[in-house]
Amino acid sequence: MTVARILAEKGRDVFTTQPHRSLKEVVEQLAARGVGAVVVTDVSMQVLGILSERDVVRVVAHDGAAALEDPVSRHMTPKVTTVTRDTSLDELMQTMTEGRFRHIPVVEDGRLIGIVSIGDVVKRHVSAIDSERQALREYIATA
C-alpha cells in the first residue's frame, strides 16, 4: 500500500494557513476542526512549515498566553519532513516513528496535495493485518 491509496480512501482535504495568521486564530481552528496540526503554506500551496498541538503547548508553556498574538511563522516548524504519493506504508511508518511525527504532509511537484496522520496509518495497517489473517484462515480451512 502507498500514500496514494491512503489519500484515495481518506481524501485530500488539508487544513492550511498562511504564515501571517495569529497563533490564536490557528488554535481556534485546530479546536473547531478537531485536528492536531495545520500546514503553513504560501498561495501556491508550497509547504512553508507545520504547526502541531505540541508546538502550541510548548510555546504557551514557555512564553505564556501573550504568544497567542504572535504570527504562526514565529512558532511553526519550518523544516518539514514530507512524503510523496509513491511512499510505501512501511516507509511512512518508519519515517513517522523515527521523527516522532503524528502528521506528514504529502507533496507532489513542490506543492501540498494531502496529509497523512498516524491514525490514518494505523487504520490501514490494522486493515491489512486483518485481511492477511482472514486469508490465512481461509487457506488453513481449505488445506
Protein backbone atom coordinates (compact mmCIF):
# COMPACT_ATOMS: atom_id res chain seq x y z
CA MET A 1 0.00 0.00 0.00
CA THR A 2 1.18 3.51 -0.79
CA VAL A 3 0.33 7.01 0.36
CA ALA A 4 -1.66 7.45 -2.87
CA ARG A 5 -4.06 4.72 -1.79
CA ILE A 6 -4.43 6.20 1.69
CA LEU A 7 -5.28 9.57 0.16
CA ALA A 8 -7.73 7.93 -2.27
CA GLU A 9 -9.54 6.35 0.68
CA LYS A 10 -9.49 9.27 3.12
CA GLY A 11 -9.47 12.25 0.77
CA ARG A 12 -7.07 15.09 0.19
CA ASP A 13 -8.53 17.76 2.43
CA VAL A 14 -5.83 19.54 4.41
CA PHE A 15 -6.21 22.30 6.96
CA THR A 16 -3.78 25.01 5.87
CA THR A 17 -2.99 28.52 6.99
CA GLN A 18 -0.77 31.38 5.96
CA PRO A 19 2.31 32.39 7.98
CA HIS A 20 0.93 35.80 8.99
CA ARG A 21 -2.13 34.41 10.81
CA SER A 22 -2.07 34.71 14.58
CA LEU A 23 -1.42 31.67 16.72
CA LYS A 24 -4.78 32.32 18.40
CA GLU A 25 -6.66 32.16 15.07
CA VAL A 26 -4.99 28.88 14.20
CA VAL A 27 -5.53 27.35 17.64
CA GLU A 28 -9.24 28.17 17.41
CA GLN A 29 -9.39 26.43 14.03
CA LEU A 30 -7.48 23.39 15.31
CA ALA A 31 -10.07 23.05 18.08
CA ALA A 32 -13.06 23.69 15.81
CA ARG A 33 -11.90 21.15 13.21
CA GLY A 34 -10.74 18.57 15.72
CA VAL A 35 -7.34 18.17 14.10
CA GLY A 36 -3.86 18.07 15.57
CA ALA A 37 -1.83 20.03 13.04
CA VAL A 38 -2.00 22.71 10.40
CA VAL A 39 0.24 23.01 7.35
CA VAL A 40 1.54 26.52 6.72
CA THR A 41 1.61 27.25 3.00
CA ASP A 42 2.01 30.10 0.59
CA VAL A 43 -0.64 30.93 -2.02
CA SER A 44 0.78 28.35 -4.45
CA MET A 45 0.44 25.60 -1.78
CA GLN A 46 4.16 25.24 -1.21
CA VAL A 47 4.82 23.99 2.31
CA LEU A 48 6.47 26.63 4.48
CA GLY A 49 6.05 24.89 7.82
CA ILE A 50 3.80 22.90 10.11
CA LEU A 51 2.29 23.75 13.46
CA SER A 52 1.08 20.99 15.75
CA GLU A 53 -0.71 20.89 19.07
CA ARG A 54 2.63 20.03 20.65
CA ASP A 55 4.16 23.20 19.22
CA VAL A 56 1.34 25.26 20.69
CA VAL A 57 1.69 23.67 24.13
CA ARG A 58 5.45 24.30 24.12
CA VAL A 59 5.17 27.97 23.15
CA VAL A 60 2.38 28.73 25.63
CA ALA A 61 4.29 26.94 28.41
CA HIS A 62 7.42 28.94 27.58
CA ASP A 63 6.03 32.36 26.56
CA GLY A 64 2.60 32.39 28.16
CA ALA A 65 -0.72 33.41 26.66
CA ALA A 66 0.77 36.54 25.08
CA ALA A 67 2.34 34.25 22.45
CA LEU A 68 -1.14 33.66 21.04
CA GLU A 69 -0.92 37.06 19.37
CA ASP A 70 2.27 36.09 17.51
CA PRO A 71 2.20 35.10 13.84
CA VAL A 72 2.23 31.37 13.15
CA SER A 73 5.53 31.76 11.30
CA ARG A 74 7.24 32.54 14.58
CA HIS A 75 6.38 29.18 16.13
CA MET A 76 5.89 26.74 13.26
CA THR A 77 8.39 24.02 12.47
CA PRO A 78 9.97 25.39 9.27
CA LYS A 79 11.87 22.26 8.22
CA VAL A 80 9.06 19.87 7.34
CA THR A 81 9.54 16.22 6.53
CA THR A 82 7.24 15.31 3.64
CA VAL A 83 6.40 12.21 1.64
CA THR A 84 5.13 11.61 -1.88
CA ARG A 85 2.18 9.64 -3.22
CA ASP A 86 4.59 6.80 -4.06
CA THR A 87 5.86 6.37 -0.49
CA SER A 88 5.04 2.90 0.82
CA LEU A 89 3.17 2.30 4.08
CA ASP A 90 6.30 0.72 5.56
CA GLU A 91 8.45 3.74 4.64
CA LEU A 92 5.78 6.07 6.01
CA MET A 93 5.63 4.21 9.34
CA GLN A 94 9.41 4.24 9.61
CA THR A 95 9.59 8.00 8.90
CA MET A 96 6.84 8.77 11.40
CA THR A 97 8.40 6.57 14.07
CA GLU A 98 11.95 7.89 13.64
CA GLY A 99 10.85 11.53 13.53
CA ARG A 100 8.14 11.08 16.18
CA PHE A 101 5.69 12.74 13.77
CA ARG A 102 1.93 12.38 14.03
CA HIS A 103 1.28 14.24 10.77
CA ILE A 104 3.20 14.24 7.49
CA PRO A 105 2.31 16.43 4.51
CA VAL A 106 2.19 14.79 1.09
CA VAL A 107 3.88 16.84 -1.62
CA GLU A 108 3.98 16.49 -5.39
CA ASP A 109 5.99 18.81 -7.65
CA GLY A 110 6.70 21.01 -4.62
CA ARG A 111 3.01 21.53 -3.81
CA LEU A 112 0.88 20.18 -0.98
CA ILE A 113 -1.60 17.53 -2.15
CA GLY A 114 -2.62 15.91 1.14
CA ILE A 115 -1.67 14.96 4.67
CA VAL A 116 -1.39 11.64 6.45
CA SER A 117 -1.86 11.24 10.20
CA ILE A 118 -0.73 8.43 12.46
CA GLY A 119 -4.41 7.50 12.77
CA ASP A 120 -4.63 7.04 9.01
CA VAL A 121 -1.56 4.80 9.08
CA VAL A 122 -2.76 2.67 11.99
CA LYS A 123 -6.20 2.23 10.41
CA ARG A 124 -4.72 0.96 7.12
CA HIS A 125 -2.12 -1.19 8.87
CA VAL A 126 -4.75 -2.90 11.04
CA SER A 127 -6.92 -3.42 7.97
CA ALA A 128 -4.02 -5.07 6.12
CA ILE A 129 -3.31 -7.36 9.08
CA ASP A 130 -6.98 -8.34 9.30
CA SER A 131 -7.07 -9.15 5.58
CA GLU A 132 -3.95 -11.27 5.90
CA ARG A 133 -5.35 -13.07 8.93
CA GLN A 134 -8.58 -13.83 7.07
CA ALA A 135 -6.67 -15.12 4.04
CA LEU A 136 -4.61 -17.42 6.27
CA ARG A 137 -7.75 -18.75 7.96
CA GLU A 138 -9.32 -19.49 4.58
CA TYR A 139 -6.12 -21.17 3.39
CA ILE A 140 -5.94 -23.36 6.51
CA ALA A 141 -9.65 -24.24 6.29
CA THR A 142 -9.28 -25.46 2.70
CA ALA A 143 -5.99 -27.35 3.22
